[in-house]
Amino acid sequence: MLENQKIRPHQVIGPLGEPLTLDSLPPKGTTRWVVRRKAEVVAAVNGGLLTVDEVCERYDLSIEEFASWQRAVERSGMPGLRVTRIQHYKSLYERQQKY
């Protein structure tokens, strides 16, 4: 096997502790992004099931949009993915960084 080729897992652990596979991820072309779906896609990338490029192509996302999901999960977990709470969690994170 070449160095740059990696073996991918067949499944990863999802945000709620459930197994995620390519078949259980949101379908290609998904446009309605609820918190759970975003968290599943982030978990899939973090676990090596898909690459960022594959996710962006599969779901027609910009790298910046997906990166914002990853940052939200890293900072605040699944609640950080709620669209109505993004500004709240962003300001909370910025306040924490000052101390």
PDB file of N, CA and C in Angstrom:
ATOM      1  N   MET A   1       0.848  -1.174   0.000  1.00  0.00           N
ATOM      2  CA  MET A   1       0.000   0.000   0.000  1.00  0.00           C
ATOM      3  C   MET A   1       0.895   1.239   0.000  1.00  0.00           C
ATOM      4  N   LEU A   2       0.494   2.247  -0.739  1.00  0.00           N
ATOM      5  CA  LEU A   2       1.242   3.489  -0.779  1.00  0.00           C
ATOM      6  C   LEU A   2       1.049   4.267   0.512  1.00  0.00           C
ATOM      7  N   GLU A   3       2.042   5.090   0.846  1.00  0.00           N
ATOM      8  CA  GLU A   3       1.992   5.849   2.090  1.00  0.00           C
ATOM      9  C   GLU A   3       0.790   6.776   2.186  1.00  0.00           C
ATOM     10  N   ASN A   4       0.435   7.407   1.057  1.00  0.00           N
ATOM     11  CA  ASN A   4      -0.653   8.386   1.099  1.00  0.00           C
ATOM     12  C   ASN A   4      -2.044   7.751   1.039  1.00  0.00           C
ATOM     13  N   GLN A   5      -2.113   6.439   0.883  1.00  0.00           N
ATOM     14  CA  GLN A   5      -3.406   5.764   0.912  1.00  0.00           C
ATOM     15  C   GLN A   5      -3.680   5.304   2.335  1.00  0.00           C
ATOM     16  N   LYS A   6      -4.856   5.608   2.806  1.00  0.00           N
ATOM     17  CA  LYS A   6      -5.210   5.211   4.166  1.00  0.00           C
ATOM     18  C   LYS A   6      -6.392   4.259   4.116  1.00  0.00           C
ATOM     19  N   ILE A   7      -6.400   3.333   5.036  1.00  0.00           N
ATOM     20  CA  ILE A   7      -7.537   2.441   5.151  1.00  0.00           C
ATOM     21  C   ILE A   7      -8.629   3.192   5.895  1.00  0.00           C
ATOM     22  N   ARG A   8      -9.807   3.210   5.320  1.00  0.00           N
ATOM     23  CA  ARG A   8     -10.930   3.907   5.941  1.00  0.00           C
ATOM     24  C   ARG A   8     -11.744   2.941   6.786  1.00  0.00           C
ATOM     25  N   PRO A   9     -12.277   3.450   7.869  1.00  0.00           N
ATOM     26  CA  PRO A   9     -13.151   2.590   8.660  1.00  0.00           C
ATOM     27  C   PRO A   9     -14.472   2.359   7.923  1.00  0.00           C
ATOM     28  N   HIS A  10     -15.134   1.261   8.233  1.00  0.00           N
ATOM     29  CA  HIS A  10     -16.451   0.995   7.658  1.00  0.00           C
ATOM     30  C   HIS A  10     -17.537   1.733   8.418  1.00  0.00           C
ATOM     31  N   GLN A  11     -17.229   2.052   9.667  1.00  0.00           N
ATOM     32  CA  GLN A  11     -18.165   2.826  10.472  1.00  0.00           C
ATOM     33  C   GLN A  11     -17.393   3.623  11.509  1.00  0.00           C
ATOM     34  N   VAL A  12     -18.041   4.698  11.970  1.00  0.00           N
ATOM     35  CA  VAL A  12     -17.482   5.519  13.048  1.00  0.00           C
ATOM     36  C   VAL A  12     -18.592   5.736  14.069  1.00  0.00           C
ATOM     37  N   ILE A  13     -18.202   6.252  15.220  1.00  0.00           N
ATOM     38  CA  ILE A  13     -19.197   6.534  16.256  1.00  0.00           C
ATOM     39  C   ILE A  13     -19.783   7.921  16.017  1.00  0.00           C
ATOM     40  N   GLY A  14     -21.105   7.989  15.969  1.00  0.00           N
ATOM     41  CA  GLY A  14     -21.801   9.245  15.724  1.00  0.00           C
ATOM     42  C   GLY A  14     -21.906  10.109  16.957  1.00  0.00           C
ATOM     43  N   PRO A  15     -22.495  11.274  16.823  1.00  0.00           N
ATOM     44  CA  PRO A  15     -22.563  12.228  17.926  1.00  0.00           C
ATOM     45  C   PRO A  15     -23.410  11.761  19.104  1.00  0.00           C
ATOM     46  N   LEU A  16     -24.287  10.819  18.870  1.00  0.00           N
ATOM     47  CA  LEU A  16     -25.129  10.300  19.949  1.00  0.00           C
ATOM     48  C   LEU A  16     -24.703   8.902  20.372  1.00  0.00           C
ATOM     49  N   GLY A  17     -23.494   8.490  19.948  1.00  0.00           N
ATOM     50  CA  GLY A  17     -22.966   7.182  20.313  1.00  0.00           C
ATOM     51  C   GLY A  17     -23.383   6.057  19.390  1.00  0.00           C
ATOM     52  N   GLU A  18     -24.113   6.373  18.338  1.00  0.00           N
ATOM     53  CA  GLU A  18     -24.580   5.361  17.398  1.00  0.00           C
ATOM     54  C   GLU A  18     -23.546   5.130  16.305  1.00  0.00           C
ATOM     55  N   PRO A  19     -23.519   3.921  15.717  1.00  0.00           N
ATOM     56  CA  PRO A  19     -22.592   3.690  14.602  1.00  0.00           C
ATOM     57  C   PRO A  19     -23.066   4.436  13.355  1.00  0.00           C
ATOM     58  N   LEU A  20     -22.127   5.080  12.673  1.00  0.00           N
ATOM     59  CA  LEU A  20     -22.421   5.766  11.415  1.00  0.00           C
ATOM     60  C   LEU A  20     -21.681   5.064  10.288  1.00  0.00           C
ATOM     61  N   THR A  21     -22.384   4.829   9.193  1.00  0.00           N
ATOM     62  CA  THR A  21     -21.778   4.288   7.982  1.00  0.00           C
ATOM     63  C   THR A  21     -22.084   5.253   6.849  1.00  0.00           C
ATOM     64  N   LEU A  22     -21.480   5.036   5.700  1.00  0.00           N
ATOM     65  CA  LEU A  22     -21.797   5.886   4.544  1.00  0.00           C
ATOM     66  C   LEU A  22     -23.287   5.835   4.230  1.00  0.00           C
ATOM     67  N   ASP A  23     -23.899   4.657   4.401  1.00  0.00           N
ATOM     68  CA  ASP A  23     -25.322   4.512   4.099  1.00  0.00           C
ATOM     69  C   ASP A  23     -26.225   5.201   5.115  1.00  0.00           C
ATOM     70  N   SER A  24     -25.732   5.393   6.342  1.00  0.00           N
ATOM     71  CA  SER A  24     -26.587   6.018   7.355  1.00  0.00           C
ATOM     72  C   SER A  24     -26.416   7.531   7.433  1.00  0.00           C
ATOM     73  N   LEU A  25     -25.450   8.069   6.689  1.00  0.00           N
ATOM     74  CA  LEU A  25     -25.281   9.523   6.654  1.00  0.00           C
ATOM     75  C   LEU A  25     -26.433  10.170   5.892  1.00  0.00           C
ATOM     76  N   PRO A  26     -26.634  11.471   6.082  1.00  0.00           N
ATOM     77  CA  PRO A  26     -27.679  12.140   5.303  1.00  0.00           C
ATOM     78  C   PRO A  26     -27.446  11.891   3.806  1.00  0.00           C
ATOM     79  N   PRO A  27     -28.523  11.764   3.042  1.00  0.00           N
ATOM     80  CA  PRO A  27     -28.365  11.471   1.613  1.00  0.00           C
ATOM     81  C   PRO A  27     -27.699  12.617   0.860  1.00  0.00           C
ATOM     82  N   LYS A  28     -27.052  12.268  -0.258  1.00  0.00           N
ATOM     83  CA  LYS A  28     -26.460  13.291  -1.129  1.00  0.00           C
ATOM     84  C   LYS A  28     -27.538  14.301  -1.485  1.00  0.00           C
ATOM     85  N   GLY A  29     -27.134  15.547  -1.586  1.00  0.00           N
ATOM     86  CA  GLY A  29     -28.087  16.581  -1.973  1.00  0.00           C
ATOM     87  C   GLY A  29     -28.932  17.108  -0.829  1.00  0.00           C
ATOM     88  N   THR A  30     -28.672  16.678   0.392  1.00  0.00           N
ATOM     89  CA  THR A  30     -29.424  17.185   1.541  1.00  0.00           C
ATOM     90  C   THR A  30     -29.280  18.695   1.596  1.00  0.00           C
ATOM     91  N   THR A  31     -30.390  19.389   1.802  1.00  0.00           N
ATOM     92  CA  THR A  31     -30.343  20.853   1.901  1.00  0.00           C
ATOM     93  C   THR A  31     -30.894  21.352   3.233  1.00  0.00           C
ATOM     94  N   ARG A  32     -31.641  20.530   3.937  1.00  0.00           N
ATOM     95  CA  ARG A  32     -32.182  20.933   5.237  1.00  0.00           C
ATOM     96  C   ARG A  32     -31.262  20.368   6.313  1.00  0.00           C
ATOM     97  N   TRP A  33     -30.523  21.254   6.952  1.00  0.00           N
ATOM     98  CA  TRP A  33     -29.477  20.830   7.883  1.00  0.00           C
ATOM     99  C   TRP A  33     -29.888  21.071   9.321  1.00  0.00           C
ATOM    100  N   VAL A  34     -30.428  20.048   9.933  1.00  0.00           N
ATOM    101  CA  VAL A  34     -30.739  20.101  11.358  1.00  0.00           C
ATOM    102  C   VAL A  34     -29.463  19.762  12.128  1.00  0.00           C
ATOM    103  N   VAL A  35     -29.451  20.061  13.408  1.00  0.00           N
ATOM    104  CA  VAL A  35     -28.268  19.865  14.247  1.00  0.00           C
ATOM    105  C   VAL A  35     -27.728  18.441  14.141  1.00  0.00           C
ATOM    106  N   ARG A  36     -28.593  17.458  14.261  1.00  0.00           N
ATOM    107  CA  ARG A  36     -28.148  16.066  14.247  1.00  0.00           C
ATOM    108  C   ARG A  36     -27.425  15.726  12.949  1.00  0.00           C
ATOM    109  N   ARG A  37     -27.957  16.158  11.815  1.00  0.00           N
ATOM    110  CA  ARG A  37     -27.327  15.848  10.521  1.00  0.00           C
ATOM    111  C   ARG A  37     -25.951  16.499  10.409  1.00  0.00           C
ATOM    112  N   LYS A  38     -25.857  17.754  10.823  1.00  0.00           N
ATOM    113  CA  LYS A  38     -24.553  18.428  10.789  1.00  0.00           C
ATOM    114  C   LYS A  38     -23.554  17.671  11.667  1.00  0.00           C
ATOM    115  N   ALA A  39     -23.981  17.306  12.865  1.00  0.00           N
ATOM    116  CA  ALA A  39     -23.095  16.605  13.805  1.00  0.00           C
ATOM    117  C   ALA A  39     -22.667  15.249  13.241  1.00  0.00           C
ATOM    118  N   GLU A  40     -23.560  14.561  12.547  1.00  0.00           N
ATOM    119  CA  GLU A  40     -23.208  13.272  11.949  1.00  0.00           C
ATOM    120  C   GLU A  40     -22.133  13.452  10.883  1.00  0.00           C
ATOM    121  N   VAL A  41     -22.271  14.465  10.055  1.00  0.00           N
ATOM    122  CA  VAL A  41     -21.296  14.701   8.994  1.00  0.00           C
ATOM    123  C   VAL A  41     -19.945  15.092   9.591  1.00  0.00           C
ATOM    124  N   VAL A  42     -19.949  15.922  10.621  1.00  0.00           N
ATOM    125  CA  VAL A  42     -18.698  16.285  11.297  1.00  0.00           C
ATOM    126  C   VAL A  42     -18.051  15.035  11.894  1.00  0.00           C
ATOM    127  N   ALA A  43     -18.835  14.185  12.538  1.00  0.00           N
ATOM    128  CA  ALA A  43     -18.305  12.952  13.125  1.00  0.00           C
ATOM    129  C   ALA A  43     -17.733  12.034  12.039  1.00  0.00           C
ATOM    130  N   ALA A  44     -18.388  11.988  10.886  1.00  0.00           N
ATOM    131  CA  ALA A  44     -17.902  11.149   9.793  1.00  0.00           C
ATOM    132  C   ALA A  44     -16.526  11.610   9.324  1.00  0.00           C
ATOM    133  N   VAL A  45     -16.340  12.913   9.207  1.00  0.00           N
ATOM    134  CA  VAL A  45     -15.038  13.438   8.784  1.00  0.00           C
ATOM    135  C   VAL A  45     -14.006  13.232   9.886  1.00  0.00           C
ATOM    136  N   ASN A  46     -14.363  13.552  11.116  1.00  0.00           N
ATOM    137  CA  ASN A  46     -13.419  13.405  12.224  1.00  0.00           C
ATOM    138  C   ASN A  46     -12.989  11.949  12.416  1.00  0.00           C
ATOM    139  N   GLY A  47     -13.880  11.022  12.098  1.00  0.00           N
ATOM    140  CA  GLY A  47     -13.563   9.602  12.241  1.00  0.00           C
ATOM    141  C   GLY A  47     -12.910   8.980  11.020  1.00  0.00           C
ATOM    142  N   GLY A  48     -12.796   9.748   9.925  1.00  0.00           N
ATOM    143  CA  GLY A  48     -12.135   9.240   8.732  1.00  0.00           C
ATOM    144  C   GLY A  48     -13.031   8.525   7.747  1.00  0.00           C
ATOM    145  N   LEU A  49     -14.342   8.575   7.965  1.00  0.00           N
ATOM    146  CA  LEU A  49     -15.278   7.922   7.042  1.00  0.00           C
ATOM    147  C   LEU A  49     -15.311   8.644   5.688  1.00  0.00           C
ATOM    148  N   LEU A  50     -15.231   9.969   5.730  1.00  0.00           N
ATOM    149  CA  LEU A  50     -15.185  10.813   4.535  1.00  0.00           C
ATOM    150  C   LEU A  50     -14.141  11.898   4.747  1.00  0.00           C
ATOM    151  N   THR A  51     -13.652  12.466   3.651  1.00  0.00           N
ATOM    152  CA  THR A  51     -12.750  13.613   3.744  1.00  0.00           C
ATOM    153  C   THR A  51     -13.583  14.892   3.665  1.00  0.00           C
ATOM    154  N   VAL A  52     -12.975  15.997   4.025  1.00  0.00           N
ATOM    155  CA  VAL A  52     -13.658  17.290   3.924  1.00  0.00           C
ATOM    156  C   VAL A  52     -14.057  17.537   2.471  1.00  0.00           C
ATOM    157  N   ASP A  53     -13.162  17.264   1.539  1.00  0.00           N
ATOM    158  CA  ASP A  53     -13.480  17.475   0.118  1.00  0.00           C
ATOM    159  C   ASP A  53     -14.669  16.627  -0.321  1.00  0.00           C
ATOM    160  N   GLU A  54     -14.721  15.379   0.130  1.00  0.00           N
ATOM    161  CA  GLU A  54     -15.837  14.501  -0.238  1.00  0.00           C
ATOM    162  C   GLU A  54     -17.155  15.025   0.329  1.00  0.00           C
ATOM    163  N   VAL A  55     -17.119  15.507   1.567  1.00  0.00           N
ATOM    164  CA  VAL A  55     -18.335  16.048   2.191  1.00  0.00           C
ATOM    165  C   VAL A  55     -18.810  17.283   1.435  1.00  0.00           C
ATOM    166  N   CYS A  56     -17.868  18.167   1.108  1.00  0.00           N
ATOM    167  CA  CYS A  56     -18.249  19.396   0.406  1.00  0.00           C
ATOM    168  C   CYS A  56     -18.860  19.093  -0.957  1.00  0.00           C
ATOM    169  N   GLU A  57     -18.299  18.110  -1.652  1.00  0.00           N
ATOM    170  CA  GLU A  57     -18.853  17.729  -2.948  1.00  0.00           C
ATOM    171  C   GLU A  57     -20.200  17.029  -2.787  1.00  0.00           C
ATOM    172  N   ARG A  58     -20.276  16.102  -1.865  1.00  0.00           N
ATOM    173  CA  ARG A  58     -21.489  15.307  -1.655  1.00  0.00           C
ATOM    174  C   ARG A  58     -22.692  16.178  -1.281  1.00  0.00           C
ATOM    175  N   TYR A  59     -22.425  17.217  -0.454  1.00  0.00           N
ATOM    176  CA  TYR A  59     -23.528  18.036   0.057  1.00  0.00           C
ATOM    177  C   TYR A  59     -23.530  19.459  -0.487  1.00  0.00           C
ATOM    178  N   ASP A  60     -22.681  19.735  -1.465  1.00  0.00           N
ATOM    179  CA  ASP A  60     -22.589  21.061  -2.078  1.00  0.00           C
ATOM    180  C   ASP A  60     -22.376  22.142  -1.010  1.00  0.00           C
ATOM    181  N   LEU A  61     -21.381  21.911  -0.151  1.00  0.00           N
ATOM    182  CA  LEU A  61     -21.027  22.855   0.908  1.00  0.00           C
ATOM    183  C   LEU A  61     -19.703  23.518   0.557  1.00  0.00           C
ATOM    184  N   SER A  62     -19.505  24.723   1.044  1.00  0.00           N
ATOM    185  CA  SER A  62     -18.184  25.338   0.927  1.00  0.00           C
ATOM    186  C   SER A  62     -17.318  24.792   2.060  1.00  0.00           C
ATOM    187  N   ILE A  63     -16.026  24.848   1.859  1.00  0.00           N
ATOM    188  CA  ILE A  63     -15.108  24.411   2.911  1.00  0.00           C
ATOM    189  C   ILE A  63     -15.310  25.274   4.151  1.00  0.00           C
ATOM    190  N   GLU A  64     -15.563  26.558   3.945  1.00  0.00           N
ATOM    191  CA  GLU A  64     -15.770  27.468   5.074  1.00  0.00           C
ATOM    192  C   GLU A  64     -17.005  27.087   5.881  1.00  0.00           C
ATOM    193  N   GLU A  65     -18.078  26.715   5.181  1.00  0.00           N
ATOM    194  CA  GLU A  65     -19.299  26.330   5.896  1.00  0.00           C
ATOM    195  C   GLU A  65     -19.062  25.074   6.730  1.00  0.00           C
ATOM    196  N   PHE A  66     -18.436  24.070   6.123  1.00  0.00           N
ATOM    197  CA  PHE A  66     -18.174  22.849   6.877  1.00  0.00           C
ATOM    198  C   PHE A  66     -17.222  23.129   8.038  1.00  0.00           C
ATOM    199  N   ALA A  67     -16.201  23.937   7.805  1.00  0.00           N
ATOM    200  CA  ALA A  67     -15.247  24.269   8.873  1.00  0.00           C
ATOM    201  C   ALA A  67     -15.961  24.968  10.033  1.00  0.00           C
ATOM    202  N   SER A  68     -16.976  25.764   9.725  1.00  0.00           N
ATOM    203  CA  SER A  68     -17.726  26.432  10.799  1.00  0.00           C
ATOM    204  C   SER A  68     -18.486  25.399  11.629  1.00  0.00           C
ATOM    205  N   TRP A  69     -18.968  24.337  11.007  1.00  0.00           N
ATOM    206  CA  TRP A  69     -19.634  23.256  11.749  1.00  0.00           C
ATOM    207  C   TRP A  69     -18.626  22.573  12.669  1.00  0.00           C
ATOM    208  N   GLN A  70     -17.436  22.294  12.140  1.00  0.00           N
ATOM    209  CA  GLN A  70     -16.415  21.640  12.959  1.00  0.00           C
ATOM    210  C   GLN A  70     -16.042  22.506  14.158  1.00  0.00           C
ATOM    211  N   ARG A  71     -15.838  23.788  13.924  1.00  0.00           N
ATOM    212  CA  ARG A  71     -15.491  24.691  15.027  1.00  0.00           C
ATOM    213  C   ARG A  71     -16.598  24.743  16.067  1.00  0.00           C
ATOM    214  N   ALA A  72     -17.853  24.789  15.599  1.00  0.00           N
ATOM    215  CA  ALA A  72     -18.981  24.840  16.532  1.00  0.00           C
ATOM    216  C   ALA A  72     -19.019  23.596  17.411  1.00  0.00           C
ATOM    217  N   VAL A  73     -18.772  22.436  16.826  1.00  0.00           N
ATOM    218  CA  VAL A  73     -18.771  21.185  17.593  1.00  0.00           C
ATOM    219  C   VAL A  73     -17.604  21.174  18.580  1.00  0.00           C
ATOM    220  N   GLU A  74     -16.438  21.606  18.131  1.00  0.00           N
ATOM    221  CA  GLU A  74     -15.266  21.627  19.013  1.00  0.00           C
ATOM    222  C   GLU A  74     -15.480  22.562  20.201  1.00  0.00           C
ATOM    223  N   ARG A  75     -16.105  23.703  19.953  1.00  0.00           N
ATOM    224  CA  ARG A  75     -16.282  24.704  21.001  1.00  0.00           C
ATOM    225  C   ARG A  75     -17.429  24.386  21.948  1.00  0.00           C
ATOM    226  N   SER A  76     -18.565  23.952  21.378  1.00  0.00           N
ATOM    227  CA  SER A  76     -19.780  23.865  22.188  1.00  0.00           C
ATOM    228  C   SER A  76     -20.544  22.569  22.039  1.00  0.00           C
ATOM    229  N   GLY A  77     -19.995  21.599  21.316  1.00  0.00           N
ATOM    230  CA  GLY A  77     -20.721  20.357  21.096  1.00  0.00           C
ATOM    231  C   GLY A  77     -21.909  20.581  20.164  1.00  0.00           C
ATOM    232  N   MET A  78     -22.822  19.642  20.171  1.00  0.00           N
ATOM    233  CA  MET A  78     -23.983  19.735  19.284  1.00  0.00           C
ATOM    234  C   MET A  78     -24.787  21.021  19.470  1.00  0.00           C
ATOM    235  N   PRO A  79     -24.963  21.532  20.687  1.00  0.00           N
ATOM    236  CA  PRO A  79     -25.744  22.768  20.826  1.00  0.00           C
ATOM    237  C   PRO A  79     -25.155  23.946  20.040  1.00  0.00           C
ATOM    238  N   GLY A  80     -23.854  23.922  19.808  1.00  0.00           N
ATOM    239  CA  GLY A  80     -23.222  24.991  19.045  1.00  0.00           C
ATOM    240  C   GLY A  80     -23.637  25.021  17.590  1.00  0.00           C
ATOM    241  N   LEU A  81     -24.234  23.937  17.102  1.00  0.00           N
ATOM    242  CA  LEU A  81     -24.662  23.862  15.703  1.00  0.00           C
ATOM    243  C   LEU A  81     -26.037  24.486  15.460  1.00  0.00           C
ATOM    244  N   ARG A  82     -26.729  24.824  16.521  1.00  0.00           N
ATOM    245  CA  ARG A  82     -28.046  25.438  16.334  1.00  0.00           C
ATOM    246  C   ARG A  82     -27.877  26.819  15.732  1.00  0.00           C
ATOM    247  N   VAL A  83     -28.512  27.053  14.614  1.00  0.00           N
ATOM    248  CA  VAL A  83     -28.354  28.313  13.894  1.00  0.00           C
ATOM    249  C   VAL A  83     -28.709  29.500  14.782  1.00  0.00           C
ATOM    250  N   THR A  84     -29.745  29.359  15.587  1.00  0.00           N
ATOM    251  CA  THR A  84     -30.176  30.475  16.419  1.00  0.00           C
ATOM    252  C   THR A  84     -29.223  30.728  17.572  1.00  0.00           C
ATOM    253  N   ARG A  85     -28.333  29.785  17.852  1.00  0.00           N
ATOM    254  CA  ARG A  85     -27.435  29.922  18.986  1.00  0.00           C
ATOM    255  C   ARG A  85     -25.988  30.206  18.576  1.00  0.00           C
ATOM    256  N   ILE A  86     -25.704  30.249  17.290  1.00  0.00           N
ATOM    257  CA  ILE A  86     -24.330  30.411  16.838  1.00  0.00           C
ATOM    258  C   ILE A  86     -23.701  31.673  17.419  1.00  0.00           C
ATOM    259  N   GLN A  87     -24.399  32.796  17.344  1.00  0.00           N
ATOM    260  CA  GLN A  87     -23.831  34.044  17.844  1.00  0.00           C
ATOM    261  C   GLN A  87     -23.593  33.971  19.349  1.00  0.00           C
ATOM    262  N   HIS A  88     -24.524  33.354  20.072  1.00  0.00           N
ATOM    263  CA  HIS A  88     -24.369  33.211  21.516  1.00  0.00           C
ATOM    264  C   HIS A  88     -23.108  32.426  21.853  1.00  0.00           C
ATOM    265  N   TYR A  89     -22.941  31.270  21.207  1.00  0.00           N
ATOM    266  CA  TYR A  89     -21.785  30.437  21.502  1.00  0.00           C
ATOM    267  C   TYR A  89     -20.493  31.084  21.019  1.00  0.00           C
ATOM    268  N   LYS A  90     -20.549  31.823  19.922  1.00  0.00           N
ATOM    269  CA  LYS A  90     -19.363  32.512  19.427  1.00  0.00           C
ATOM    270  C   LYS A  90     -18.901  33.556  20.437  1.00  0.00           C
ATOM    271  N   SER A  91     -19.830  34.358  20.944  1.00  0.00           N
ATOM    272  CA  SER A  91     -19.438  35.388  21.910  1.00  0.00           C
ATOM    273  C   SER A  91     -18.983  34.750  23.224  1.00  0.00           C
ATOM    274  N   LEU A  92     -19.605  33.666  23.633  1.00  0.00           N
ATOM    275  CA  LEU A  92     -19.190  32.963  24.843  1.00  0.00           C
ATOM    276  C   LEU A  92     -17.761  32.441  24.686  1.00  0.00           C
ATOM    277  N   TYR A  93     -17.477  31.852  23.538  1.00  0.00           N
ATOM    278  CA  TYR A  93     -16.135  31.335  23.266  1.00  0.00           C
ATOM    279  C   TYR A  93     -15.113  32.470  23.282  1.00  0.00           C
ATOM    280  N   GLU A  94     -15.449  33.595  22.646  1.00  0.00           N
ATOM    281  CA  GLU A  94     -14.518  34.719  22.598  1.00  0.00           C
ATOM    282  C   GLU A  94     -14.242  35.266  23.991  1.00  0.00           C
ATOM    283  N   ARG A  95     -15.263  35.310  24.857  1.00  0.00           N
ATOM    284  CA  ARG A  95     -15.067  35.769  26.230  1.00  0.00           C
ATOM    285  C   ARG A  95     -14.145  34.809  26.980  1.00  0.00           C
ATOM    286  N   GLN A  96     -14.296  33.508  26.768  1.00  0.00           N
ATOM    287  CA  GLN A  96     -13.469  32.515  27.450  1.00  0.00           C
ATOM    288  C   GLN A  96     -12.008  32.636  27.027  1.00  0.00           C
ATOM    289  N   GLN A  97     -11.778  33.004  25.774  1.00  0.00           N
ATOM    290  CA  GLN A  97     -10.419  33.115  25.272  1.00  0.00           C
ATOM    291  C   GLN A  97      -9.663  34.282  25.898  1.00  0.00           C
ATOM    292  N   LYS A  98     -10.373  35.284  26.402  1.00  0.00           N
ATOM    293  CA  LYS A  98      -9.741  36.463  27.000  1.00  0.00           C
ATOM    294  C   LYS A  98      -9.154  36.165  28.351  1.00  0.00           C
ATOM    295  N   TYR A  99      -9.639  35.113  29.017  1.00  0.00           N
ATOM    296  CA  TYR A  99      -9.203  34.814  30.386  1.00  0.00           C
ATOM    297  C   TYR A  99      -8.132  33.774  30.427  1.00  0.00           C
TER     298      TYR A  99
END
